[in-house]
Amino acid sequence: ADSVKGRFTISGDAAKRTVYLQMKNLTPEDAAVYHCAA
């Protein structure tokens, strides 16, 4: 999303069966319940 571009990074590790969301320079507008979906 434009609101997180340059600050957030999504990545996946197939062997660990895990997807990550690295978040940097967080602001109060980023506060939320975060869900992953497939």
Full PDB file with SEQRES, HELIX, SHEET, SSBOND, CRYST1, ORIGX, SCALE, CONECT and MASTER records, all heavy atoms in Angstrom:
SEQRES   1 A   38  ALA ASP SER VAL LYS GLY ARG PHE THR ILE SER GLY ASP          
SEQRES   2 A   38  ALA ALA LYS ARG THR VAL TYR LEU GLN MET LYS ASN LEU          
SEQRES   3 A   38  THR PRO GLU ASP ALA ALA VAL TYR HIS CYS ALA ALA              
HELIX    1 AA1 PRO A   28  ASP A   30  5                                   3    
SHEET    1 AA1 2 PHE A   8  ASP A  13  0                                        
SHEET    2 AA1 2 THR A  18  MET A  23 -1                                        
CRYST1    1.000    1.000    1.000  90.00  90.00  90.00 P 1           1          
ORIGX1      1.000000  0.000000  0.000000        0.00000                         
ORIGX2      0.000000  1.000000  0.000000        0.00000                         
ORIGX3      0.000000  0.000000  1.000000        0.00000                         
SCALE1      1.000000  0.000000  0.000000        0.00000                         
SCALE2      0.000000  1.000000  0.000000        0.00000                         
SCALE3      0.000000  0.000000  1.000000        0.00000                         
ATOM      1  N   ALA A   1       0.842  -1.179   0.000  1.00  0.00           N  
ATOM      2  CA  ALA A   1       0.000   0.000   0.000  1.00  0.00           C  
ATOM      3  C   ALA A   1       0.885   1.238   0.000  1.00  0.00           C  
ATOM      4  O   ALA A   1       1.984   1.231   0.559  1.00  0.00           O  
ATOM      5  CB  ALA A   1      -0.913  -0.002   1.223  1.00  0.00           C  
ATOM      6  N   ASP A   2       0.411   2.300  -0.613  1.00  0.00           N  
ATOM      7  CA  ASP A   2       1.192   3.528  -0.668  1.00  0.00           C  
ATOM      8  C   ASP A   2       1.555   4.041   0.721  1.00  0.00           C  
ATOM      9  O   ASP A   2       2.621   4.627   0.920  1.00  0.00           O  
ATOM     10  CB  ASP A   2       0.428   4.609  -1.431  1.00  0.00           C  
ATOM     11  CG  ASP A   2       0.351   4.332  -2.919  1.00  0.00           C  
ATOM     12  OD1 ASP A   2       1.166   3.538  -3.425  1.00  0.00           O  
ATOM     13  OD2 ASP A   2      -0.523   4.917  -3.585  1.00  0.00           O  
ATOM     14  N   SER A   3       0.682   3.807   1.675  1.00  0.00           N  
ATOM     15  CA  SER A   3       0.893   4.318   3.016  1.00  0.00           C  
ATOM     16  C   SER A   3       2.055   3.647   3.744  1.00  0.00           C  
ATOM     17  O   SER A   3       2.567   4.191   4.721  1.00  0.00           O  
ATOM     18  CB  SER A   3      -0.384   4.171   3.848  1.00  0.00           C  
ATOM     19  OG  SER A   3      -0.773   2.813   3.941  1.00  0.00           O  
ATOM     20  N   VAL A   4       2.479   2.474   3.278  1.00  0.00           N  
ATOM     21  CA  VAL A   4       3.552   1.754   3.952  1.00  0.00           C  
ATOM     22  C   VAL A   4       4.758   1.526   3.060  1.00  0.00           C  
ATOM     23  O   VAL A   4       5.791   1.032   3.534  1.00  0.00           O  
ATOM     24  CB  VAL A   4       3.062   0.400   4.504  1.00  0.00           C  
ATOM     25  CG1 VAL A   4       1.838   0.588   5.384  1.00  0.00           C  
ATOM     26  CG2 VAL A   4       2.759  -0.577   3.366  1.00  0.00           C  
ATOM     27  N   LYS A   5       4.666   1.869   1.806  1.00  0.00           N  
ATOM     28  CA  LYS A   5       5.750   1.639   0.864  1.00  0.00           C  
ATOM     29  C   LYS A   5       7.022   2.342   1.327  1.00  0.00           C  
ATOM     30  O   LYS A   5       7.002   3.520   1.682  1.00  0.00           O  
ATOM     31  CB  LYS A   5       5.343   2.114  -0.527  1.00  0.00           C  
ATOM     32  CG  LYS A   5       6.283   1.690  -1.641  1.00  0.00           C  
ATOM     33  CD  LYS A   5       5.704   2.058  -3.008  1.00  0.00           C  
ATOM     34  CE  LYS A   5       4.402   1.341  -3.268  1.00  0.00           C  
ATOM     35  NZ  LYS A   5       3.857   1.649  -4.624  1.00  0.00           N  
ATOM     36  N   GLY A   6       8.113   1.606   1.325  1.00  0.00           N  
ATOM     37  CA  GLY A   6       9.384   2.140   1.779  1.00  0.00           C  
ATOM     38  C   GLY A   6       9.635   1.938   3.252  1.00  0.00           C  
ATOM     39  O   GLY A   6      10.768   2.113   3.711  1.00  0.00           O  
ATOM     40  N   ARG A   7       8.603   1.575   3.996  1.00  0.00           N  
ATOM     41  CA  ARG A   7       8.738   1.352   5.433  1.00  0.00           C  
ATOM     42  C   ARG A   7       8.513  -0.106   5.822  1.00  0.00           C  
ATOM     43  O   ARG A   7       9.108  -0.584   6.781  1.00  0.00           O  
ATOM     44  CB  ARG A   7       7.756   2.230   6.214  1.00  0.00           C  
ATOM     45  CG  ARG A   7       7.962   3.725   6.018  1.00  0.00           C  
ATOM     46  CD  ARG A   7       7.075   4.528   6.969  1.00  0.00           C  
ATOM     47  NE  ARG A   7       5.661   4.278   6.736  1.00  0.00           N  
ATOM     48  CZ  ARG A   7       4.824   3.776   7.648  1.00  0.00           C  
ATOM     49  NH1 ARG A   7       5.266   3.467   8.861  1.00  0.00           N  
ATOM     50  NH2 ARG A   7       3.550   3.589   7.358  1.00  0.00           N  
ATOM     51  N   PHE A   8       7.644  -0.784   5.093  1.00  0.00           N  
ATOM     52  CA  PHE A   8       7.304  -2.173   5.394  1.00  0.00           C  
ATOM     53  C   PHE A   8       7.904  -3.091   4.336  1.00  0.00           C  
ATOM     54  O   PHE A   8       8.008  -2.724   3.158  1.00  0.00           O  
ATOM     55  CB  PHE A   8       5.785  -2.374   5.404  1.00  0.00           C  
ATOM     56  CG  PHE A   8       5.062  -1.753   6.575  1.00  0.00           C  
ATOM     57  CD1 PHE A   8       5.663  -0.803   7.383  1.00  0.00           C  
ATOM     58  CD2 PHE A   8       3.764  -2.140   6.859  1.00  0.00           C  
ATOM     59  CE1 PHE A   8       4.992  -0.234   8.447  1.00  0.00           C  
ATOM     60  CE2 PHE A   8       3.076  -1.586   7.921  1.00  0.00           C  
ATOM     61  CZ  PHE A   8       3.688  -0.632   8.719  1.00  0.00           C  
ATOM     62  N   THR A   9       8.265  -4.288   4.758  1.00  0.00           N  
ATOM     63  CA  THR A   9       8.786  -5.295   3.844  1.00  0.00           C  
ATOM     64  C   THR A   9       8.128  -6.635   4.142  1.00  0.00           C  
ATOM     65  O   THR A   9       8.152  -7.104   5.280  1.00  0.00           O  
ATOM     66  CB  THR A   9      10.307  -5.441   3.974  1.00  0.00           C  
ATOM     67  OG1 THR A   9      10.941  -4.184   3.714  1.00  0.00           O  
ATOM     68  CG2 THR A   9      10.827  -6.473   2.975  1.00  0.00           C  
ATOM     69  N   ILE A  10       7.557  -7.247   3.118  1.00  0.00           N  
ATOM     70  CA  ILE A  10       6.959  -8.559   3.268  1.00  0.00           C  
ATOM     71  C   ILE A  10       7.905  -9.597   2.670  1.00  0.00           C  
ATOM     72  O   ILE A  10       8.532  -9.363   1.635  1.00  0.00           O  
ATOM     73  CB  ILE A  10       5.570  -8.635   2.599  1.00  0.00           C  
ATOM     74  CG1 ILE A  10       4.880  -9.969   2.914  1.00  0.00           C  
ATOM     75  CG2 ILE A  10       5.663  -8.421   1.095  1.00  0.00           C  
ATOM     76  CD1 ILE A  10       3.426 -10.024   2.462  1.00  0.00           C  
ATOM     77  N   SER A  11       8.021 -10.728   3.329  1.00  0.00           N  
ATOM     78  CA  SER A  11       8.879 -11.794   2.851  1.00  0.00           C  
ATOM     79  C   SER A  11       8.329 -13.132   3.317  1.00  0.00           C  
ATOM     80  O   SER A  11       7.517 -13.191   4.242  1.00  0.00           O  
ATOM     81  CB  SER A  11      10.320 -11.608   3.344  1.00  0.00           C  
ATOM     82  OG  SER A  11      10.377 -11.649   4.758  1.00  0.00           O  
ATOM     83  N   GLY A  12       8.775 -14.194   2.672  1.00  0.00           N  
ATOM     84  CA  GLY A  12       8.311 -15.516   3.035  1.00  0.00           C  
ATOM     85  C   GLY A  12       9.455 -16.498   3.154  1.00  0.00           C  
ATOM     86  O   GLY A  12      10.466 -16.381   2.458  1.00  0.00           O  
ATOM     87  N   ASP A  13       9.296 -17.447   4.032  1.00  0.00           N  
ATOM     88  CA  ASP A  13      10.252 -18.531   4.216  1.00  0.00           C  
ATOM     89  C   ASP A  13       9.471 -19.827   4.061  1.00  0.00           C  
ATOM     90  O   ASP A  13       8.775 -20.256   4.980  1.00  0.00           O  
ATOM     91  CB  ASP A  13      10.921 -18.445   5.586  1.00  0.00           C  
ATOM     92  CG  ASP A  13      12.070 -19.419   5.736  1.00  0.00           C  
ATOM     93  OD1 ASP A  13      12.007 -20.520   5.156  1.00  0.00           O  
ATOM     94  OD2 ASP A  13      13.040 -19.084   6.446  1.00  0.00           O  
ATOM     95  N   ALA A  14       9.582 -20.448   2.888  1.00  0.00           N  
ATOM     96  CA  ALA A  14       8.805 -21.642   2.598  1.00  0.00           C  
ATOM     97  C   ALA A  14       9.151 -22.791   3.535  1.00  0.00           C  
ATOM     98  O   ALA A  14       8.270 -23.539   3.965  1.00  0.00           O  
ATOM     99  CB  ALA A  14       9.020 -22.063   1.144  1.00  0.00           C  
ATOM    100  N   ALA A  15      10.430 -22.936   3.854  1.00  0.00           N  
ATOM    101  CA  ALA A  15      10.861 -24.030   4.712  1.00  0.00           C  
ATOM    102  C   ALA A  15      10.279 -23.903   6.114  1.00  0.00           C  
ATOM    103  O   ALA A  15       9.929 -24.900   6.746  1.00  0.00           O  
ATOM    104  CB  ALA A  15      12.386 -24.087   4.770  1.00  0.00           C  
ATOM    105  N   LYS A  16      10.193 -22.687   6.611  1.00  0.00           N  
ATOM    106  CA  LYS A  16       9.638 -22.445   7.938  1.00  0.00           C  
ATOM    107  C   LYS A  16       8.130 -22.251   7.916  1.00  0.00           C  
ATOM    108  O   LYS A  16       7.515 -22.106   8.977  1.00  0.00           O  
ATOM    109  CB  LYS A  16      10.305 -21.226   8.576  1.00  0.00           C  
ATOM    110  CG  LYS A  16      11.781 -21.412   8.859  1.00  0.00           C  
ATOM    111  CD  LYS A  16      12.363 -20.185   9.549  1.00  0.00           C  
ATOM    112  CE  LYS A  16      13.830 -20.382   9.884  1.00  0.00           C  
ATOM    113  NZ  LYS A  16      14.406 -19.191  10.550  1.00  0.00           N  
ATOM    114  N   ARG A  17       7.570 -22.245   6.730  1.00  0.00           N  
ATOM    115  CA  ARG A  17       6.133 -22.027   6.562  1.00  0.00           C  
ATOM    116  C   ARG A  17       5.678 -20.780   7.303  1.00  0.00           C  
ATOM    117  O   ARG A  17       4.718 -20.799   8.089  1.00  0.00           O  
ATOM    118  CB  ARG A  17       5.346 -23.259   7.017  1.00  0.00           C  
ATOM    119  CG  ARG A  17       5.584 -24.479   6.141  1.00  0.00           C  
ATOM    120  CD  ARG A  17       4.629 -25.603   6.454  1.00  0.00           C  
ATOM    121  NE  ARG A  17       4.755 -26.701   5.511  1.00  0.00           N  
ATOM    122  CZ  ARG A  17       3.962 -27.754   5.473  1.00  0.00           C  
ATOM    123  NH1 ARG A  17       2.964 -27.858   6.342  1.00  0.00           N  
ATOM    124  NH2 ARG A  17       4.153 -28.711   4.581  1.00  0.00           N  
ATOM    125  N   THR A  18       6.363 -19.699   7.011  1.00  0.00           N  
ATOM    126  CA  THR A  18       6.097 -18.439   7.688  1.00  0.00           C  
ATOM    127  C   THR A  18       6.256 -17.276   6.717  1.00  0.00           C  
ATOM    128  O   THR A  18       7.175 -17.271   5.897  1.00  0.00           O  
ATOM    129  CB  THR A  18       7.045 -18.237   8.881  1.00  0.00           C  
ATOM    130  OG1 THR A  18       6.917 -19.335   9.785  1.00  0.00           O  
ATOM    131  CG2 THR A  18       6.707 -16.954   9.619  1.00  0.00           C  
ATOM    132  N   VAL A  19       5.357 -16.319   6.815  1.00  0.00           N  
ATOM    133  CA  VAL A  19       5.456 -15.065   6.091  1.00  0.00           C  
ATOM    134  C   VAL A  19       5.664 -13.956   7.106  1.00  0.00           C  
ATOM    135  O   VAL A  19       5.010 -13.943   8.155  1.00  0.00           O  
ATOM    136  CB  VAL A  19       4.197 -14.804   5.245  1.00  0.00           C  
ATOM    137  CG1 VAL A  19       4.242 -13.409   4.622  1.00  0.00           C  
ATOM    138  CG2 VAL A  19       4.072 -15.844   4.147  1.00  0.00           C  
ATOM    139  N   TYR A  20       6.555 -13.029   6.800  1.00  0.00           N  
ATOM    140  CA  TYR A  20       6.911 -11.967   7.722  1.00  0.00           C  
ATOM    141  C   TYR A  20       6.480 -10.609   7.183  1.00  0.00           C  
ATOM    142  O   TYR A  20       6.398 -10.390   5.978  1.00  0.00           O  
ATOM    143  CB  TYR A  20       8.417 -11.939   7.963  1.00  0.00           C  
ATOM    144  CG  TYR A  20       8.976 -13.241   8.476  1.00  0.00           C  
ATOM    145  CD1 TYR A  20       9.527 -14.167   7.600  1.00  0.00           C  
ATOM    146  CD2 TYR A  20       8.953 -13.548   9.834  1.00  0.00           C  
ATOM    147  CE1 TYR A  20      10.042 -15.368   8.059  1.00  0.00           C  
ATOM    148  CE2 TYR A  20       9.462 -14.742  10.303  1.00  0.00           C  
ATOM    149  CZ  TYR A  20      10.010 -15.648   9.411  1.00  0.00           C  
ATOM    150  OH  TYR A  20      10.519 -16.839   9.879  1.00  0.00           O  
ATOM    151  N   LEU A  21       6.243  -9.704   8.097  1.00  0.00           N  
ATOM    152  CA  LEU A  21       6.010  -8.316   7.753  1.00  0.00           C  
ATOM    153  C   LEU A  21       6.906  -7.469   8.643  1.00  0.00           C  
ATOM    154  O   LEU A  21       6.636  -7.301   9.831  1.00  0.00           O  
ATOM    155  CB  LEU A  21       4.542  -7.920   7.949  1.00  0.00           C  
ATOM    156  CG  LEU A  21       4.192  -6.486   7.540  1.00  0.00           C  
ATOM    157  CD1 LEU A  21       4.346  -6.315   6.033  1.00  0.00           C  
ATOM    158  CD2 LEU A  21       2.778  -6.119   7.978  1.00  0.00           C  
ATOM    159  N   GLN A  22       7.985  -6.973   8.062  1.00  0.00           N  
ATOM    160  CA  GLN A  22       8.913  -6.114   8.784  1.00  0.00           C  
ATOM    161  C   GLN A  22       8.430  -4.674   8.675  1.00  0.00           C  
ATOM    162  O   GLN A  22       8.245  -4.172   7.570  1.00  0.00           O  
ATOM    163  CB  GLN A  22      10.324  -6.252   8.214  1.00  0.00           C  
ATOM    164  CG  GLN A  22      11.364  -5.442   8.944  1.00  0.00           C  
ATOM    165  CD  GLN A  22      12.751  -5.588   8.340  1.00  0.00           C  
ATOM    166  OE1 GLN A  22      12.945  -6.332   7.381  1.00  0.00           O  
ATOM    167  NE2 GLN A  22      13.717  -4.891   8.892  1.00  0.00           N  
ATOM    168  N   MET A  23       8.244  -4.029   9.801  1.00  0.00           N  
ATOM    169  CA  MET A  23       7.705  -2.683   9.841  1.00  0.00           C  
ATOM    170  C   MET A  23       8.719  -1.756  10.497  1.00  0.00           C  
ATOM    171  O   MET A  23       9.206  -2.031  11.591  1.00  0.00           O  
ATOM    172  CB  MET A  23       6.382  -2.656  10.608  1.00  0.00           C  
ATOM    173  CG  MET A  23       5.345  -3.644  10.080  1.00  0.00           C  
ATOM    174  SD  MET A  23       3.763  -3.544  10.974  1.00  0.00           S  
ATOM    175  CE  MET A  23       4.278  -4.129  12.597  1.00  0.00           C  
ATOM    176  N   LYS A  24       9.011  -0.656   9.824  1.00  0.00           N  
ATOM    177  CA  LYS A  24       9.942   0.339  10.332  1.00  0.00           C  
ATOM    178  C   LYS A  24       9.295   1.716  10.342  1.00  0.00           C  
ATOM    179  O   LYS A  24       8.316   1.952   9.643  1.00  0.00           O  
ATOM    180  CB  LYS A  24      11.213   0.371   9.475  1.00  0.00           C  
ATOM    181  CG  LYS A  24      12.017  -0.917   9.465  1.00  0.00           C  
ATOM    182  CD  LYS A  24      13.261  -0.774   8.610  1.00  0.00           C  
ATOM    183  CE  LYS A  24      14.089  -2.041   8.622  1.00  0.00           C  
ATOM    184  NZ  LYS A  24      15.309  -1.916   7.777  1.00  0.00           N  
ATOM    185  N   ASN A  25       9.876   2.601  11.135  1.00  0.00           N  
ATOM    186  CA  ASN A  25       9.389   3.981  11.230  1.00  0.00           C  
ATOM    187  C   ASN A  25       7.886   4.025  11.466  1.00  0.00           C  
ATOM    188  O   ASN A  25       7.144   4.737  10.790  1.00  0.00           O  
ATOM    189  CB  ASN A  25       9.751   4.756   9.963  1.00  0.00           C  
ATOM    190  CG  ASN A  25      11.245   4.847   9.735  1.00  0.00           C  
ATOM    191  OD1 ASN A  25      12.005   5.073  10.674  1.00  0.00           O  
ATOM    192  ND2 ASN A  25      11.672   4.678   8.494  1.00  0.00           N  
ATOM    193  N   LEU A  26       7.457   3.291  12.450  1.00  0.00           N  
ATOM    194  CA  LEU A  26       6.037   3.181  12.740  1.00  0.00           C  
ATOM    195  C   LEU A  26       5.464   4.497  13.255  1.00  0.00           C  
ATOM    196  O   LEU A  26       6.131   5.247  13.975  1.00  0.00           O  
ATOM    197  CB  LEU A  26       5.790   2.077  13.755  1.00  0.00           C  
ATOM    198  CG  LEU A  26       5.969   0.655  13.207  1.00  0.00           C  
ATOM    199  CD1 LEU A  26       6.131  -0.341  14.346  1.00  0.00           C  
ATOM    200  CD2 LEU A  26       4.782   0.277  12.332  1.00  0.00           C  
ATOM    201  N   THR A  27       4.236   4.764  12.873  1.00  0.00           N  
ATOM    202  CA  THR A  27       3.505   5.942  13.315  1.00  0.00           C  
ATOM    203  C   THR A  27       2.216   5.503  13.992  1.00  0.00           C  
ATOM    204  O   THR A  27       1.786   4.355  13.840  1.00  0.00           O  
ATOM    205  CB  THR A  27       3.166   6.863  12.136  1.00  0.00           C  
ATOM    206  OG1 THR A  27       2.109   6.283  11.357  1.00  0.00           O  
ATOM    207  CG2 THR A  27       4.379   7.077  11.246  1.00  0.00           C  
ATOM    208  N   PRO A  28       1.575   6.402  14.733  1.00  0.00           N  
ATOM    209  CA  PRO A  28       0.303   6.035  15.364  1.00  0.00           C  
ATOM    210  C   PRO A  28      -0.747   5.555  14.361  1.00  0.00           C  
ATOM    211  O   PRO A  28      -1.622   4.769  14.726  1.00  0.00           O  
ATOM    212  CB  PRO A  28      -0.131   7.334  16.056  1.00  0.00           C  
ATOM    213  CG  PRO A  28       1.164   8.001  16.390  1.00  0.00           C  
ATOM    214  CD  PRO A  28       2.054   7.717  15.215  1.00  0.00           C  
ATOM    215  N   GLU A  29      -0.663   6.007  13.118  1.00  0.00           N  
ATOM    216  CA  GLU A  29      -1.619   5.564  12.107  1.00  0.00           C  
ATOM    217  C   GLU A  29      -1.433   4.102  11.725  1.00  0.00           C  
ATOM    218  O   GLU A  29      -2.318   3.513  11.110  1.00  0.00           O  
ATOM    219  CB  GLU A  29      -1.510   6.443  10.854  1.00  0.00           C  
ATOM    220  CG  GLU A  29      -1.959   7.889  11.075  1.00  0.00           C  
ATOM    221  CD  GLU A  29      -1.946   8.712   9.803  1.00  0.00           C  
ATOM    222  OE1 GLU A  29      -1.421   8.235   8.775  1.00  0.00           O  
ATOM    223  OE2 GLU A  29      -2.469   9.840   9.826  1.00  0.00           O  
ATOM    224  N   ASP A  30      -0.297   3.534  12.088  1.00  0.00           N  
ATOM    225  CA  ASP A  30      -0.049   2.122  11.811  1.00  0.00           C  
ATOM    226  C   ASP A  30      -0.649   1.214  12.872  1.00  0.00           C  
ATOM    227  O   ASP A  30      -0.657  -0.010  12.699  1.00  0.00           O  
ATOM    228  CB  ASP A  30       1.457   1.852  11.708  1.00  0.00           C  
ATOM    229  CG  ASP A  30       2.105   2.554  10.541  1.00  0.00           C  
ATOM    230  OD1 ASP A  30       1.521   2.531   9.439  1.00  0.00           O  
ATOM    231  OD2 ASP A  30       3.200   3.121  10.728  1.00  0.00           O  
ATOM    232  N   ALA A  31      -1.099   1.775  13.964  1.00  0.00           N  
ATOM    233  CA  ALA A  31      -1.683   0.971  15.029  1.00  0.00           C  
ATOM    234  C   ALA A  31      -2.940   0.279  14.527  1.00  0.00           C  
ATOM    235  O   ALA A  31      -3.823   0.915  13.941  1.00  0.00           O  
ATOM    236  CB  ALA A  31      -2.005   1.848  16.238  1.00  0.00           C  
ATOM    237  N   ALA A  32      -3.020  -1.010  14.735  1.00  0.00           N  
ATOM    238  CA  ALA A  32      -4.152  -1.789  14.241  1.00  0.00           C  
ATOM    239  C   ALA A  32      -3.983  -3.243  14.663  1.00  0.00           C  
ATOM    240  O   ALA A  32      -2.936  -3.645  15.173  1.00  0.00           O  
ATOM    241  CB  ALA A  32      -4.251  -1.696  12.721  1.00  0.00           C  
ATOM    242  N   VAL A  33      -5.023  -4.015  14.418  1.00  0.00           N  
ATOM    243  CA  VAL A  33      -4.905  -5.454  14.479  1.00  0.00           C  
ATOM    244  C   VAL A  33      -4.519  -5.923  13.081  1.00  0.00           C  
ATOM    245  O   VAL A  33      -5.222  -5.631  12.112  1.00  0.00           O  
ATOM    246  CB  VAL A  33      -6.221  -6.127  14.919  1.00  0.00           C  
ATOM    247  CG1 VAL A  33      -6.085  -7.647  14.877  1.00  0.00           C  
ATOM    248  CG2 VAL A  33      -6.600  -5.670  16.324  1.00  0.00           C  
ATOM    249  N   TYR A  34      -3.416  -6.619  12.990  1.00  0.00           N  
ATOM    250  CA  TYR A  34      -2.906  -7.075  11.705  1.00  0.00           C  
ATOM    251  C   TYR A  34      -3.272  -8.534  11.483  1.00  0.00           C  
ATOM    252  O   TYR A  34      -3.029  -9.383  12.339  1.00  0.00           O  
ATOM    253  CB  TYR A  34      -1.388  -6.903  11.636  1.00  0.00           C  
ATOM    254  CG  TYR A  34      -0.954  -5.475  11.405  1.00  0.00           C  
ATOM    255  CD1 TYR A  34      -1.058  -4.531  12.420  1.00  0.00           C  
ATOM    256  CD2 TYR A  34      -0.441  -5.072  10.171  1.00  0.00           C  
ATOM    257  CE1 TYR A  34      -0.680  -3.218  12.206  1.00  0.00           C  
ATOM    258  CE2 TYR A  34      -0.054  -3.764   9.955  1.00  0.00           C  
ATOM    259  CZ  TYR A  34      -0.169  -2.837  10.975  1.00  0.00           C  
ATOM    260  OH  TYR A  34       0.215  -1.537  10.764  1.00  0.00           O  
ATOM    261  N   HIS A  35      -3.843  -8.804  10.321  1.00  0.00           N  
ATOM    262  CA  HIS A  35      -4.248 -10.147   9.939  1.00  0.00           C  
ATOM    263  C   HIS A  35      -3.489 -10.591   8.703  1.00  0.00           C  
ATOM    264  O   HIS A  35      -3.236  -9.797   7.805  1.00  0.00           O  
ATOM    265  CB  HIS A  35      -5.744 -10.204   9.612  1.00  0.00           C  
ATOM    266  CG  HIS A  35      -6.647  -9.820  10.732  1.00  0.00           C  
ATOM    267  ND1 HIS A  35      -7.219 -10.766  11.569  1.00  0.00           N  
ATOM    268  CD2 HIS A  35      -7.097  -8.612  11.153  1.00  0.00           C  
ATOM    269  CE1 HIS A  35      -7.985 -10.135  12.454  1.00  0.00           C  
ATOM    270  NE2 HIS A  35      -7.923  -8.840  12.221  1.00  0.00           N  
ATOM    271  N   CYS A  36      -3.153 -11.858   8.636  1.00  0.00           N  
ATOM    272  CA  CYS A  36      -2.664 -12.425   7.393  1.00  0.00           C  
ATOM    273  C   CYS A  36      -3.759 -13.290   6.790  1.00  0.00           C  
ATOM    274  O   CYS A  36      -4.609 -13.836   7.504  1.00  0.00           O  
ATOM    275  CB  CYS A  36      -1.369 -13.219   7.580  1.00  0.00           C  
ATOM    276  SG  CYS A  36      -1.456 -14.636   8.687  1.00  0.00           S  
ATOM    277  N   ALA A  37      -3.742 -13.384   5.474  1.00  0.00           N  
ATOM    278  CA  ALA A  37      -4.779 -14.108   4.764  1.00  0.00           C  
ATOM    279  C   ALA A  37      -4.175 -14.825   3.565  1.00  0.00           C  
ATOM    280  O   ALA A  37      -3.117 -14.444   3.068  1.00  0.00           O  
ATOM    281  CB  ALA A  37      -5.879 -13.147   4.304  1.00  0.00           C  
ATOM    282  N   ALA A  38      -4.865 -15.855   3.093  1.00  0.00           N  
ATOM    283  CA  ALA A  38      -4.343 -16.664   2.000  1.00  0.00           C  
ATOM    284  C   ALA A  38      -5.434 -17.021   1.001  1.00  0.00           C  
ATOM    285  O   ALA A  38      -6.594 -17.206   1.366  1.00  0.00           O  
ATOM    286  CB  ALA A  38      -3.715 -17.951   2.547  1.00  0.00           C  
TER     287      ALA A  38                                                      
MASTER        0    0    0    1    2    0    0    6  286    1    0    3          
END                                                                             
